[in-house]
Amino acid sequence: QVHLVESGGGLVQPGGSLNLSCAASGSTLNFFITADMGWYRQAPGKERESVAFMKGGSGTAYANSVKGRFTVSRDSRKKMVYLQMNNVKPEDTAVYYCVVAGSWGKGTLVTVSA
């Protein structure tokens, strides 16, 4: 079981940027390198949705609503997963969850508002 802790959420103005981080523990380096991982989000009153997801070594998928604005990345040596959010919009307001190999963090709240 991988333990995940997200950070970096907060209040940001429309058009601004935010970088979310996710620290993973409880896994080996080799496991982390090949694991599927990424970010989901759940907005108030809506279902949870995939935002950006990396399939271990075989590419990355982004939600259409964030393509060109968000970038997911990993630092395997540090066992970290990141979500760079640029040009954020009010509709990006949600709790963002880090997911690694089926394990979920508790989430970090992102609020986009003027």
Protein backbone atom coordinates (compact mmCIF):
# COMPACT_ATOMS: atom_id res chain seq x y z
CA GLN A 1 0.00 0.00 0.00
CA VAL A 2 1.38 3.35 -1.07
CA HIS A 3 0.82 6.31 1.26
CA LEU A 4 0.22 9.60 -0.54
CA VAL A 5 0.18 13.17 0.75
CA GLU A 6 -0.85 16.03 -1.51
CA SER A 7 0.12 19.67 -1.04
CA GLY A 8 0.06 22.95 -2.90
CA GLY A 9 -3.64 23.63 -3.06
CA GLY A 10 -5.15 26.96 -2.17
CA LEU A 11 -6.85 30.04 -3.54
CA VAL A 12 -5.73 31.31 -6.94
CA GLN A 13 -7.13 33.94 -9.26
CA PRO A 14 -8.41 33.08 -12.71
CA GLY A 15 -5.55 33.03 -15.17
CA GLY A 16 -3.06 32.23 -12.44
CA SER A 17 -0.91 29.18 -11.82
CA LEU A 18 -0.60 26.58 -9.12
CA ASN A 19 1.66 23.58 -8.68
CA LEU A 20 0.35 20.58 -6.79
CA SER A 21 2.72 18.05 -5.29
CA CYS A 22 2.20 14.52 -4.10
CA ALA A 23 4.71 12.70 -1.91
CA ALA A 24 4.61 8.91 -2.00
CA SER A 25 5.95 6.55 0.61
CA GLY A 26 5.81 2.83 1.13
CA SER A 27 6.95 1.80 -2.34
CA THR A 28 10.24 0.82 -3.89
CA LEU A 29 11.89 2.95 -6.55
CA ASN A 30 11.33 0.31 -9.25
CA PHE A 31 7.67 0.09 -8.33
CA PHE A 32 7.28 3.84 -8.52
CA ILE A 33 9.00 4.06 -11.92
CA THR A 34 6.55 1.69 -13.57
CA ALA A 35 3.38 2.52 -11.66
CA ASP A 36 0.37 4.22 -13.21
CA MET A 37 -0.13 7.56 -11.52
CA GLY A 38 -1.76 10.92 -11.86
CA TRP A 39 -4.45 13.25 -10.63
CA TYR A 40 -8.20 13.15 -10.27
CA ARG A 41 -10.49 15.91 -9.09
CA GLN A 42 -13.97 16.28 -7.69
CA ALA A 43 -15.82 19.54 -7.95
CA PRO A 44 -18.73 20.40 -5.65
CA GLY A 45 -21.81 18.48 -6.71
CA LYS A 46 -19.98 16.62 -9.47
CA GLU A 47 -18.51 13.18 -9.94
CA ARG A 48 -14.83 12.53 -9.58
CA GLU A 49 -12.97 12.77 -12.89
CA SER A 50 -9.52 12.00 -14.20
CA VAL A 51 -7.50 15.14 -14.87
CA ALA A 52 -4.09 13.89 -15.95
CA PHE A 53 -2.82 10.35 -15.81
CA MET A 54 0.45 8.68 -16.71
CA LYS A 55 0.32 5.03 -17.67
CA GLY A 56 3.63 3.51 -16.59
CA GLY A 57 5.90 4.19 -19.57
CA SER A 58 3.16 4.34 -22.19
CA GLY A 59 1.99 7.90 -22.32
CA THR A 60 -0.15 10.47 -20.59
CA ALA A 61 -3.84 11.25 -20.90
CA TYR A 62 -5.38 14.59 -20.10
CA ALA A 63 -8.99 15.59 -19.70
CA ASN A 64 -10.06 17.72 -22.65
CA SER A 65 -10.89 20.56 -20.30
CA VAL A 66 -7.27 20.88 -19.12
CA LYS A 67 -5.28 20.06 -22.26
CA GLY A 68 -2.69 22.74 -22.95
CA ARG A 69 -3.05 24.17 -19.45
CA PHE A 70 -2.10 21.38 -17.04
CA THR A 71 1.01 19.21 -17.04
CA VAL A 72 1.55 16.09 -14.96
CA SER A 73 5.04 14.86 -14.17
CA ARG A 74 6.92 12.57 -11.83
CA ASP A 75 10.27 12.55 -10.09
CA SER A 76 10.82 8.87 -9.50
CA ARG A 77 13.97 9.32 -7.44
CA LYS A 78 12.08 11.55 -5.01
CA LYS A 79 8.87 9.54 -5.37
CA MET A 80 6.93 12.66 -6.18
CA VAL A 81 4.08 13.39 -8.58
CA TYR A 82 3.32 16.92 -9.70
CA LEU A 83 0.50 18.77 -11.42
CA GLN A 84 1.41 22.13 -12.91
CA MET A 85 -1.77 24.12 -13.42
CA ASN A 86 -1.58 27.18 -15.66
CA ASN A 87 -4.24 29.62 -16.82
CA VAL A 88 -6.64 28.23 -14.26
CA LYS A 89 -10.36 28.82 -14.56
CA PRO A 90 -13.18 28.95 -11.99
CA GLU A 91 -14.35 25.57 -13.25
CA ASP A 92 -11.04 24.08 -12.11
CA THR A 93 -12.21 24.55 -8.53
CA ALA A 94 -12.20 21.11 -6.95
CA VAL A 95 -10.52 18.78 -4.51
CA TYR A 96 -7.55 17.28 -6.31
CA TYR A 97 -6.47 13.74 -5.51
CA CYS A 98 -3.17 12.06 -6.25
CA VAL A 99 -3.40 8.43 -7.33
CA VAL A 100 -0.52 5.96 -7.57
CA ALA A 101 -1.11 2.34 -8.53
CA GLY A 102 -4.65 2.44 -7.18
CA SER A 103 -3.80 4.15 -3.89
CA TRP A 104 -5.40 7.53 -3.20
CA GLY A 105 -4.34 10.54 -1.21
CA LYS A 106 -6.78 12.52 0.91
CA GLY A 107 -6.86 15.41 -1.53
CA THR A 108 -6.00 19.09 -1.62
CA LEU A 109 -8.51 21.84 -2.29
CA VAL A 110 -8.00 24.23 -5.20
CA THR A 111 -10.25 27.26 -5.37
CA VAL A 112 -10.14 29.52 -8.41
CA SER A 113 -11.81 32.81 -7.70
CA ALA A 114 -11.27 36.51 -8.10
